[in-house]
Amino acid sequence: MKRFLSQHPYAVTSVIFLILLSFGFLHLNWRKDDYMFMLLLYFIVTLGIRLDDISRQIGSGRETPPETDENVLSALKQIRLTLKETNHQLKKISRALDKNSDA
């Protein structure tokens, strides 16, 4: 089922909206405005599916896997440096607050 959904996302979306429209026509007595709103929702969902396809195509062009040892180590070093800078700034702020509270 998941494979069918991933291979035919537009067909599945169309069937779902067709079912909703027929239910609205038969049981809810929808007016023209309701159908226009459902059509707008259909276009928004279809656009979202298309944008997801595009982002997957762009993202699959990576040459190196993101979790190599060098990448992980460099990311950890960067996090460590950022934490040191943040701690230094927090100490400065703490000292300034202490000076202001003593005065």
PDB file of N, CA and C in Angstrom:
ATOM      1  N   MET A   1       0.824  -1.190   0.000  1.00  0.00           N
ATOM      2  CA  MET A   1       0.000   0.000   0.000  1.00  0.00           C
ATOM      3  C   MET A   1       0.870   1.256   0.000  1.00  0.00           C
ATOM      4  N   LYS A   2       1.937   1.246   0.821  1.00  0.00           N
ATOM      5  CA  LYS A   2       2.823   2.409   0.880  1.00  0.00           C
ATOM      6  C   LYS A   2       3.513   2.626  -0.457  1.00  0.00           C
ATOM      7  N   ARG A   3       3.866   1.533  -1.121  1.00  0.00           N
ATOM      8  CA  ARG A   3       4.504   1.636  -2.424  1.00  0.00           C
ATOM      9  C   ARG A   3       3.551   2.247  -3.442  1.00  0.00           C
ATOM     10  N   PHE A   4       2.293   1.860  -3.409  1.00  0.00           N
ATOM     11  CA  PHE A   4       1.296   2.414  -4.328  1.00  0.00           C
ATOM     12  C   PHE A   4       1.120   3.906  -4.086  1.00  0.00           C
ATOM     13  N   LEU A   5       1.099   4.310  -2.798  1.00  0.00           N
ATOM     14  CA  LEU A   5       0.951   5.725  -2.477  1.00  0.00           C
ATOM     15  C   LEU A   5       2.131   6.535  -2.969  1.00  0.00           C
ATOM     16  N   SER A   6       3.342   5.983  -2.847  1.00  0.00           N
ATOM     17  CA  SER A   6       4.515   6.730  -3.274  1.00  0.00           C
ATOM     18  C   SER A   6       4.653   6.765  -4.790  1.00  0.00           C
ATOM     19  N   GLN A   7       4.125   5.762  -5.490  1.00  0.00           N
ATOM     20  CA  GLN A   7       4.218   5.741  -6.950  1.00  0.00           C
ATOM     21  C   GLN A   7       3.126   6.568  -7.621  1.00  0.00           C
ATOM     22  N   HIS A   8       1.964   6.675  -6.993  1.00  0.00           N
ATOM     23  CA  HIS A   8       0.834   7.381  -7.596  1.00  0.00           C
ATOM     24  C   HIS A   8       0.207   8.377  -6.617  1.00  0.00           C
ATOM     25  N   PRO A   9       0.945   9.384  -6.176  1.00  0.00           N
ATOM     26  CA  PRO A   9       0.383  10.298  -5.173  1.00  0.00           C
ATOM     27  C   PRO A   9      -0.759  11.154  -5.721  1.00  0.00           C
ATOM     28  N   TYR A  10      -0.688  11.519  -7.006  1.00  0.00           N
ATOM     29  CA  TYR A  10      -1.733  12.369  -7.576  1.00  0.00           C
ATOM     30  C   TYR A  10      -3.038  11.602  -7.759  1.00  0.00           C
ATOM     31  N   ALA A  11      -2.946  10.332  -8.130  1.00  0.00           N
ATOM     32  CA  ALA A  11      -4.150   9.519  -8.303  1.00  0.00           C
ATOM     33  C   ALA A  11      -4.847   9.299  -6.960  1.00  0.00           C
ATOM     34  N   VAL A  12      -4.064   9.022  -5.938  1.00  0.00           N
ATOM     35  CA  VAL A  12      -4.646   8.800  -4.612  1.00  0.00           C
ATOM     36  C   VAL A  12      -5.306  10.084  -4.103  1.00  0.00           C
ATOM     37  N   THR A  13      -4.633  11.209  -4.285  1.00  0.00           N
ATOM     38  CA  THR A  13      -5.197  12.490  -3.857  1.00  0.00           C
ATOM     39  C   THR A  13      -6.483  12.790  -4.611  1.00  0.00           C
ATOM     40  N   SER A  14      -6.489  12.530  -5.905  1.00  0.00           N
ATOM     41  CA  SER A  14      -7.686  12.785  -6.709  1.00  0.00           C
ATOM     42  C   SER A  14      -8.854  11.919  -6.271  1.00  0.00           C
ATOM     43  N   VAL A  15      -8.579  10.657  -5.968  1.00  0.00           N
ATOM     44  CA  VAL A  15      -9.647   9.755  -5.513  1.00  0.00           C
ATOM     45  C   VAL A  15     -10.216  10.226  -4.174  1.00  0.00           C
ATOM     46  N   ILE A  16      -9.343  10.639  -3.272  1.00  0.00           N
ATOM     47  CA  ILE A  16      -9.811  11.109  -1.959  1.00  0.00           C
ATOM     48  C   ILE A  16     -10.697  12.339  -2.110  1.00  0.00           C
ATOM     49  N   PHE A  17     -10.268  13.293  -2.936  1.00  0.00           N
ATOM     50  CA  PHE A  17     -11.075  14.496  -3.115  1.00  0.00           C
ATOM     51  C   PHE A  17     -12.362  14.203  -3.875  1.00  0.00           C
ATOM     52  N   LEU A  18     -12.344  13.255  -4.797  1.00  0.00           N
ATOM     53  CA  LEU A  18     -13.562  12.873  -5.502  1.00  0.00           C
ATOM     54  C   LEU A  18     -14.568  12.251  -4.535  1.00  0.00           C
ATOM     55  N   ILE A  19     -14.089  11.432  -3.620  1.00  0.00           N
ATOM     56  CA  ILE A  19     -14.968  10.842  -2.602  1.00  0.00           C
ATOM     57  C   ILE A  19     -15.563  11.937  -1.718  1.00  0.00           C
ATOM     58  N   LEU A  20     -14.720  12.896  -1.298  1.00  0.00           N
ATOM     59  CA  LEU A  20     -15.226  14.001  -0.476  1.00  0.00           C
ATOM     60  C   LEU A  20     -16.267  14.832  -1.213  1.00  0.00           C
ATOM     61  N   LEU A  21     -16.014  15.098  -2.488  1.00  0.00           N
ATOM     62  CA  LEU A  21     -16.972  15.886  -3.275  1.00  0.00           C
ATOM     63  C   LEU A  21     -18.297  15.149  -3.458  1.00  0.00           C
ATOM     64  N   SER A  22     -18.229  13.869  -3.740  1.00  0.00           N
ATOM     65  CA  SER A  22     -19.479  13.120  -3.917  1.00  0.00           C
ATOM     66  C   SER A  22     -20.244  12.997  -2.595  1.00  0.00           C
ATOM     67  N   PHE A  23     -19.533  12.846  -1.485  1.00  0.00           N
ATOM     68  CA  PHE A  23     -20.199  12.809  -0.184  1.00  0.00           C
ATOM     69  C   PHE A  23     -20.863  14.153   0.119  1.00  0.00           C
ATOM     70  N   GLY A  24     -20.163  15.230  -0.201  1.00  0.00           N
ATOM     71  CA  GLY A  24     -20.744  16.560   0.004  1.00  0.00           C
ATOM     72  C   GLY A  24     -21.956  16.795  -0.861  1.00  0.00           C
ATOM     73  N   PHE A  25     -21.934  16.286  -2.098  1.00  0.00           N
ATOM     74  CA  PHE A  25     -23.073  16.451  -2.994  1.00  0.00           C
ATOM     75  C   PHE A  25     -24.275  15.619  -2.543  1.00  0.00           C
ATOM     76  N   LEU A  26     -24.026  14.373  -2.146  1.00  0.00           N
ATOM     77  CA  LEU A  26     -25.126  13.462  -1.820  1.00  0.00           C
ATOM     78  C   LEU A  26     -25.699  13.682  -0.418  1.00  0.00           C
ATOM     79  N   HIS A  27     -24.878  14.002   0.563  1.00  0.00           N
ATOM     80  CA  HIS A  27     -25.349  14.019   1.936  1.00  0.00           C
ATOM     81  C   HIS A  27     -25.336  15.398   2.599  1.00  0.00           C
ATOM     82  N   LEU A  28     -24.487  16.279   2.148  1.00  0.00           N
ATOM     83  CA  LEU A  28     -24.351  17.558   2.839  1.00  0.00           C
ATOM     84  C   LEU A  28     -24.977  18.736   2.094  1.00  0.00           C
ATOM     85  N   ASN A  29     -25.459  18.490   0.888  1.00  0.00           N
ATOM     86  CA  ASN A  29     -26.101  19.535   0.074  1.00  0.00           C
ATOM     87  C   ASN A  29     -25.222  20.776  -0.052  1.00  0.00           C
ATOM     88  N   TRP A  30     -24.019  20.556  -0.517  1.00  0.00           N
ATOM     89  CA  TRP A  30     -23.080  21.651  -0.672  1.00  0.00           C
ATOM     90  C   TRP A  30     -23.543  22.620  -1.750  1.00  0.00           C
ATOM     91  N   ARG A  31     -23.092  23.858  -1.599  1.00  0.00           N
ATOM     92  CA  ARG A  31     -23.365  24.889  -2.598  1.00  0.00           C
ATOM     93  C   ARG A  31     -22.128  25.081  -3.467  1.00  0.00           C
ATOM     94  N   LYS A  32     -22.221  26.027  -4.370  1.00  0.00           N
ATOM     95  CA  LYS A  32     -21.141  26.317  -5.311  1.00  0.00           C
ATOM     96  C   LYS A  32     -19.867  26.751  -4.573  1.00  0.00           C
ATOM     97  N   ASP A  33     -20.015  27.531  -3.517  1.00  0.00           N
ATOM     98  CA  ASP A  33     -18.860  28.004  -2.760  1.00  0.00           C
ATOM     99  C   ASP A  33     -18.096  26.847  -2.114  1.00  0.00           C
ATOM    100  N   ASP A  34     -18.819  25.851  -1.656  1.00  0.00           N
ATOM    101  CA  ASP A  34     -18.163  24.697  -1.031  1.00  0.00           C
ATOM    102  C   ASP A  34     -17.319  23.923  -2.041  1.00  0.00           C
ATOM    103  N   TYR A  35     -17.823  23.795  -3.260  1.00  0.00           N
ATOM    104  CA  TYR A  35     -17.066  23.108  -4.298  1.00  0.00           C
ATOM    105  C   TYR A  35     -15.827  23.901  -4.693  1.00  0.00           C
ATOM    106  N   MET A  36     -15.958  25.210  -4.745  1.00  0.00           N
ATOM    107  CA  MET A  36     -14.793  26.040  -5.074  1.00  0.00           C
ATOM    108  C   MET A  36     -13.725  25.922  -3.984  1.00  0.00           C
ATOM    109  N   PHE A  37     -14.156  25.878  -2.732  1.00  0.00           N
ATOM    110  CA  PHE A  37     -13.204  25.723  -1.639  1.00  0.00           C
ATOM    111  C   PHE A  37     -12.496  24.369  -1.717  1.00  0.00           C
ATOM    112  N   MET A  38     -13.232  23.314  -2.022  1.00  0.00           N
ATOM    113  CA  MET A  38     -12.617  21.993  -2.147  1.00  0.00           C
ATOM    114  C   MET A  38     -11.640  21.959  -3.324  1.00  0.00           C
ATOM    115  N   LEU A  39     -11.963  22.647  -4.404  1.00  0.00           N
ATOM    116  CA  LEU A  39     -11.054  22.715  -5.539  1.00  0.00           C
ATOM    117  C   LEU A  39      -9.775  23.453  -5.163  1.00  0.00           C
ATOM    118  N   LEU A  40      -9.912  24.521  -4.397  1.00  0.00           N
ATOM    119  CA  LEU A  40      -8.743  25.242  -3.909  1.00  0.00           C
ATOM    120  C   LEU A  40      -7.880  24.343  -3.021  1.00  0.00           C
ATOM    121  N   LEU A  41      -8.507  23.615  -2.120  1.00  0.00           N
ATOM    122  CA  LEU A  41      -7.759  22.679  -1.270  1.00  0.00           C
ATOM    123  C   LEU A  41      -7.051  21.609  -2.093  1.00  0.00           C
ATOM    124  N   TYR A  42      -7.719  21.131  -3.134  1.00  0.00           N
ATOM    125  CA  TYR A  42      -7.122  20.126  -4.009  1.00  0.00           C
ATOM    126  C   TYR A  42      -5.857  20.670  -4.673  1.00  0.00           C
ATOM    127  N   PHE A  43      -5.921  21.897  -5.170  1.00  0.00           N
ATOM    128  CA  PHE A  43      -4.744  22.490  -5.814  1.00  0.00           C
ATOM    129  C   PHE A  43      -3.616  22.710  -4.812  1.00  0.00           C
ATOM    130  N   ILE A  44      -3.938  23.110  -3.595  1.00  0.00           N
ATOM    131  CA  ILE A  44      -2.916  23.316  -2.577  1.00  0.00           C
ATOM    132  C   ILE A  44      -2.238  21.994  -2.222  1.00  0.00           C
ATOM    133  N   VAL A  45      -3.010  20.950  -2.038  1.00  0.00           N
ATOM    134  CA  VAL A  45      -2.438  19.638  -1.700  1.00  0.00           C
ATOM    135  C   VAL A  45      -1.604  19.113  -2.858  1.00  0.00           C
ATOM    136  N   THR A  46      -2.082  19.274  -4.085  1.00  0.00           N
ATOM    137  CA  THR A  46      -1.339  18.821  -5.258  1.00  0.00           C
ATOM    138  C   THR A  46      -0.026  19.585  -5.399  1.00  0.00           C
ATOM    139  N   LEU A  47      -0.062  20.874  -5.144  1.00  0.00           N
ATOM    140  CA  LEU A  47       1.158  21.674  -5.183  1.00  0.00           C
ATOM    141  C   LEU A  47       2.141  21.215  -4.107  1.00  0.00           C
ATOM    142  N   GLY A  48       1.644  20.902  -2.926  1.00  0.00           N
ATOM    143  CA  GLY A  48       2.500  20.398  -1.852  1.00  0.00           C
ATOM    144  C   GLY A  48       3.156  19.081  -2.232  1.00  0.00           C
ATOM    145  N   ILE A  49       2.416  18.202  -2.875  1.00  0.00           N
ATOM    146  CA  ILE A  49       2.982  16.923  -3.318  1.00  0.00           C
ATOM    147  C   ILE A  49       4.073  17.163  -4.351  1.00  0.00           C
ATOM    148  N   ARG A  50       3.815  18.079  -5.272  1.00  0.00           N
ATOM    149  CA  ARG A  50       4.809  18.370  -6.315  1.00  0.00           C
ATOM    150  C   ARG A  50       6.071  18.980  -5.707  1.00  0.00           C
ATOM    151  N   LEU A  51       5.913  19.897  -4.765  1.00  0.00           N
ATOM    152  CA  LEU A  51       7.078  20.494  -4.110  1.00  0.00           C
ATOM    153  C   LEU A  51       7.876  19.454  -3.331  1.00  0.00           C
ATOM    154  N   ASP A  52       7.186  18.492  -2.737  1.00  0.00           N
ATOM    155  CA  ASP A  52       7.864  17.412  -2.036  1.00  0.00           C
ATOM    156  C   ASP A  52       8.673  16.562  -3.015  1.00  0.00           C
ATOM    157  N   ASP A  53       8.105  16.280  -4.190  1.00  0.00           N
ATOM    158  CA  ASP A  53       8.844  15.537  -5.208  1.00  0.00           C
ATOM    159  C   ASP A  53      10.093  16.289  -5.644  1.00  0.00           C
ATOM    160  N   ILE A  54       9.958  17.582  -5.841  1.00  0.00           N
ATOM    161  CA  ILE A  54      11.099  18.393  -6.273  1.00  0.00           C
ATOM    162  C   ILE A  54      12.182  18.409  -5.206  1.00  0.00           C
ATOM    163  N   SER A  55      11.789  18.579  -3.948  1.00  0.00           N
ATOM    164  CA  SER A  55      12.797  18.615  -2.881  1.00  0.00           C
ATOM    165  C   SER A  55      13.495  17.273  -2.726  1.00  0.00           C
ATOM    166  N   ARG A  56      12.801  16.189  -2.947  1.00  0.00           N
ATOM    167  CA  ARG A  56      13.450  14.873  -2.884  1.00  0.00           C
ATOM    168  C   ARG A  56      14.446  14.698  -4.022  1.00  0.00           C
ATOM    169  N   GLN A  57      14.102  15.210  -5.203  1.00  0.00           N
ATOM    170  CA  GLN A  57      15.021  15.104  -6.336  1.00  0.00           C
ATOM    171  C   GLN A  57      16.267  15.941  -6.110  1.00  0.00           C
ATOM    172  N   ILE A  58      16.101  17.116  -5.531  1.00  0.00           N
ATOM    173  CA  ILE A  58      17.250  17.976  -5.255  1.00  0.00           C
ATOM    174  C   ILE A  58      18.107  17.361  -4.157  1.00  0.00           C
ATOM    175  N   GLY A  59      17.482  16.832  -3.130  1.00  0.00           N
ATOM    176  CA  GLY A  59      18.216  16.277  -1.995  1.00  0.00           C
ATOM    177  C   GLY A  59      18.942  14.995  -2.299  1.00  0.00           C
ATOM    178  N   SER A  60      18.547  14.278  -3.327  1.00  0.00           N
ATOM    179  CA  SER A  60      19.194  12.998  -3.623  1.00  0.00           C
ATOM    180  C   SER A  60      20.505  13.172  -4.370  1.00  0.00           C
ATOM    181  N   GLY A  61      20.899  14.389  -4.701  1.00  0.00           N
ATOM    182  CA  GLY A  61      22.122  14.623  -5.434  1.00  0.00           C
ATOM    183  C   GLY A  61      23.359  14.730  -4.568  1.00  0.00           C
ATOM    184  N   ARG A  62      23.308  14.356  -3.326  1.00  0.00           N
ATOM    185  CA  ARG A  62      24.468  14.433  -2.437  1.00  0.00           C
ATOM    186  C   ARG A  62      25.541  13.448  -2.881  1.00  0.00           C
ATOM    187  N   GLU A  63      26.787  13.909  -2.828  1.00  0.00           N
ATOM    188  CA  GLU A  63      27.884  13.048  -3.229  1.00  0.00           C
ATOM    189  C   GLU A  63      28.447  12.254  -2.057  1.00  0.00           C
ATOM    190  N   THR A  64      28.523  12.888  -0.895  1.00  0.00           N
ATOM    191  CA  THR A  64      29.057  12.197   0.276  1.00  0.00           C
ATOM    192  C   THR A  64      27.932  11.950   1.272  1.00  0.00           C
ATOM    193  N   PRO A  65      27.962  10.825   1.928  1.00  0.00           N
ATOM    194  CA  PRO A  65      26.935  10.579   2.943  1.00  0.00           C
ATOM    195  C   PRO A  65      27.114  11.558   4.107  1.00  0.00           C
ATOM    196  N   PRO A  66      25.996  12.013   4.707  1.00  0.00           N
ATOM    197  CA  PRO A  66      26.096  13.045   5.737  1.00  0.00           C
ATOM    198  C   PRO A  66      26.700  12.566   7.053  1.00  0.00           C
ATOM    199  N   GLU A  67      26.783  11.277   7.263  1.00  0.00           N
ATOM    200  CA  GLU A  67      27.223  10.782   8.556  1.00  0.00           C
ATOM    201  C   GLU A  67      28.589  10.106   8.498  1.00  0.00           C
ATOM    202  N   THR A  68      29.500  10.639   7.715  1.00  0.00           N
ATOM    203  CA  THR A  68      30.855  10.095   7.745  1.00  0.00           C
ATOM    204  C   THR A  68      31.524  10.581   9.021  1.00  0.00           C
ATOM    205  N   ASP A  69      32.597   9.897   9.389  1.00  0.00           N
ATOM    206  CA  ASP A  69      33.289  10.223  10.646  1.00  0.00           C
ATOM    207  C   ASP A  69      33.805  11.650  10.656  1.00  0.00           C
ATOM    208  N   GLU A  70      34.370  12.102   9.538  1.00  0.00           N
ATOM    209  CA  GLU A  70      34.916  13.454   9.486  1.00  0.00           C
ATOM    210  C   GLU A  70      33.813  14.501   9.654  1.00  0.00           C
ATOM    211  N   ASN A  71      32.689  14.286   9.007  1.00  0.00           N
ATOM    212  CA  ASN A  71      31.590  15.245   9.115  1.00  0.00           C
ATOM    213  C   ASN A  71      31.052  15.324  10.537  1.00  0.00           C
ATOM    214  N   VAL A  72      30.934  14.180  11.177  1.00  0.00           N
ATOM    215  CA  VAL A  72      30.427  14.155  12.544  1.00  0.00           C
ATOM    216  C   VAL A  72      31.407  14.826  13.490  1.00  0.00           C
ATOM    217  N   LEU A  73      32.694  14.523  13.327  1.00  0.00           N
ATOM    218  CA  LEU A  73      33.706  15.126  14.199  1.00  0.00           C
ATOM    219  C   LEU A  73      33.788  16.633  14.000  1.00  0.00           C
ATOM    220  N   SER A  74      33.720  17.087  12.761  1.00  0.00           N
ATOM    221  CA  SER A  74      33.784  18.534  12.527  1.00  0.00           C
ATOM    222  C   SER A  74      32.536  19.222  13.080  1.00  0.00           C
ATOM    223  N   ALA A  75      31.402  18.568  12.974  1.00  0.00           N
ATOM    224  CA  ALA A  75      30.177  19.146  13.540  1.00  0.00           C
ATOM    225  C   ALA A  75      30.270  19.224  15.060  1.00  0.00           C
ATOM    226  N   LEU A  76      30.820  18.195  15.683  1.00  0.00           N
ATOM    227  CA  LEU A  76      30.983  18.207  17.140  1.00  0.00           C
ATOM    228  C   LEU A  76      31.970  19.288  17.586  1.00  0.00           C
ATOM    229  N   LYS A  77      33.042  19.481  16.830  1.00  0.00           N
ATOM    230  CA  LYS A  77      33.993  20.550  17.157  1.00  0.00           C
ATOM    231  C   LYS A  77      33.329  21.923  17.056  1.00  0.00           C
ATOM    232  N   GLN A  78      32.520  22.096  16.010  1.00  0.00           N
ATOM    233  CA  GLN A  78      31.818  23.369  15.839  1.00  0.00           C
ATOM    234  C   GLN A  78      30.828  23.600  16.983  1.00  0.00           C
ATOM    235  N   ILE A  79      30.141  22.566  17.400  1.00  0.00           N
ATOM    236  CA  ILE A  79      29.212  22.687  18.529  1.00  0.00           C
ATOM    237  C   ILE A  79      29.968  23.042  19.794  1.00  0.00           C
ATOM    238  N   ARG A  80      31.109  22.424  19.990  1.00  0.00           N
ATOM    239  CA  ARG A  80      31.926  22.697  21.182  1.00  0.00           C
ATOM    240  C   ARG A  80      32.384  24.154  21.214  1.00  0.00           C
ATOM    241  N   LEU A  81      32.847  24.672  20.068  1.00  0.00           N
ATOM    242  CA  LEU A  81      33.262  26.068  19.995  1.00  0.00           C
ATOM    243  C   LEU A  81      32.095  27.022  20.258  1.00  0.00           C
ATOM    244  N   THR A  82      30.965  26.697  19.694  1.00  0.00           N
ATOM    245  CA  THR A  82      29.784  27.537  19.893  1.00  0.00           C
ATOM    246  C   THR A  82      29.355  27.547  21.354  1.00  0.00           C
ATOM    247  N   LEU A  83      29.419  26.396  22.001  1.00  0.00           N
ATOM    248  CA  LEU A  83      29.082  26.321  23.425  1.00  0.00           C
ATOM    249  C   LEU A  83      30.048  27.126  24.280  1.00  0.00           C
ATOM    250  N   LYS A  84      31.344  27.084  23.939  1.00  0.00           N
ATOM    251  CA  LYS A  84      32.326  27.883  24.681  1.00  0.00           C
ATOM    252  C   LYS A  84      32.023  29.373  24.547  1.00  0.00           C
ATOM    253  N   GLU A  85      31.720  29.799  23.324  1.00  0.00           N
ATOM    254  CA  GLU A  85      31.399  31.212  23.106  1.00  0.00           C
ATOM    255  C   GLU A  85      30.135  31.610  23.872  1.00  0.00           C
ATOM    256  N   THR A  86      29.138  30.736  23.846  1.00  0.00           N
ATOM    257  CA  THR A  86      27.887  31.020  24.544  1.00  0.00           C
ATOM    258  C   THR A  86      28.119  31.107  26.044  1.00  0.00           C
ATOM    259  N   ASN A  87      28.905  30.185  26.603  1.00  0.00           N
ATOM    260  CA  ASN A  87      29.209  30.233  28.033  1.00  0.00           C
ATOM    261  C   ASN A  87      29.954  31.501  28.402  1.00  0.00           C
ATOM    262  N   HIS A  88      30.881  31.922  27.562  1.00  0.00           N
ATOM    263  CA  HIS A  88      31.626  33.158  27.810  1.00  0.00           C
ATOM    264  C   HIS A  88      30.678  34.357  27.828  1.00  0.00           C
ATOM    265  N   GLN A  89      29.777  34.416  26.876  1.00  0.00           N
ATOM    266  CA  GLN A  89      28.815  35.526  26.830  1.00  0.00           C
ATOM    267  C   GLN A  89      27.875  35.499  28.033  1.00  0.00           C
ATOM    268  N   LEU A  90      27.455  34.306  28.432  1.00  0.00           N
ATOM    269  CA  LEU A  90      26.573  34.195  29.599  1.00  0.00           C
ATOM    270  C   LEU A  90      27.277  34.635  30.877  1.00  0.00           C
ATOM    271  N   LYS A  91      28.563  34.328  30.989  1.00  0.00           N
ATOM    272  CA  LYS A  91      29.320  34.781  32.162  1.00  0.00           C
ATOM    273  C   LYS A  91      29.414  36.301  32.184  1.00  0.00           C
ATOM    274  N   LYS A  92      29.621  36.924  31.029  1.00  0.00           N
ATOM    275  CA  LYS A  92      29.657  38.388  30.955  1.00  0.00           C
ATOM    276  C   LYS A  92      28.319  38.976  31.394  1.00  0.00           C
ATOM    277  N   ILE A  93      27.242  38.402  30.911  1.00  0.00           N
ATOM    278  CA  ILE A  93      25.911  38.894  31.265  1.00  0.00           C
ATOM    279  C   ILE A  93      25.663  38.710  32.753  1.00  0.00           C
ATOM    280  N   SER A  94      26.074  37.560  33.292  1.00  0.00           N
ATOM    281  CA  SER A  94      25.885  37.299  34.716  1.00  0.00           C
ATOM    282  C   SER A  94      26.654  38.308  35.570  1.00  0.00           C
ATOM    283  N   ARG A  95      27.897  38.589  35.181  1.00  0.00           N
ATOM    284  CA  ARG A  95      28.686  39.585  35.923  1.00  0.00           C
ATOM    285  C   ARG A  95      28.038  40.967  35.867  1.00  0.00           C
ATOM    286  N   ALA A  96      27.523  41.331  34.683  1.00  0.00           N
ATOM    287  CA  ALA A  96      26.875  42.640  34.547  1.00  0.00           C
ATOM    288  C   ALA A  96      25.617  42.714  35.389  1.00  0.00           C
ATOM    289  N   LEU A  97      24.852  41.630  35.445  1.00  0.00           N
ATOM    290  CA  LEU A  97      23.644  41.609  36.262  1.00  0.00           C
ATOM    291  C   LEU A  97      23.987  41.672  37.747  1.00  0.00           C
ATOM    292  N   ASP A  98      25.061  40.999  38.142  1.00  0.00           N
ATOM    293  CA  ASP A  98      25.497  41.047  39.540  1.00  0.00           C
ATOM    294  C   ASP A  98      25.916  42.452  39.933  1.00  0.00           C
ATOM    295  N   LYS A  99      26.626  43.146  39.047  1.00  0.00           N
ATOM    296  CA  LYS A  99      27.047  44.514  39.322  1.00  0.00           C
ATOM    297  C   LYS A  99      25.835  45.439  39.445  1.00  0.00           C
ATOM    298  N   ASN A 100      24.848  45.261  38.589  1.00  0.00           N
ATOM    299  CA  ASN A 100      23.643  46.089  38.623  1.00  0.00           C
ATOM    300  C   ASN A 100      22.797  45.813  39.862  1.00  0.00           C
ATOM    301  N   SER A 101      22.753  44.581  40.289  1.00  0.00           N
ATOM    302  CA  SER A 101      21.948  44.255  41.476  1.00  0.00           C
ATOM    303  C   SER A 101      22.619  44.729  42.765  1.00  0.00           C
ATOM    304  N   ASP A 102      23.967  44.792  42.793  1.00  0.00           N
ATOM    305  CA  ASP A 102      24.675  45.268  43.968  1.00  0.00           C
ATOM    306  C   ASP A 102      24.555  46.785  44.123  1.00  0.00           C
ATOM    307  N   ALA A 103      24.396  47.469  43.018  1.00  0.00           N
ATOM    308  CA  ALA A 103      24.364  48.948  43.084  1.00  0.00           C
ATOM    309  C   ALA A 103      23.073  49.484  43.553  1.00  0.00           C
TER     310      ALA A 103
END
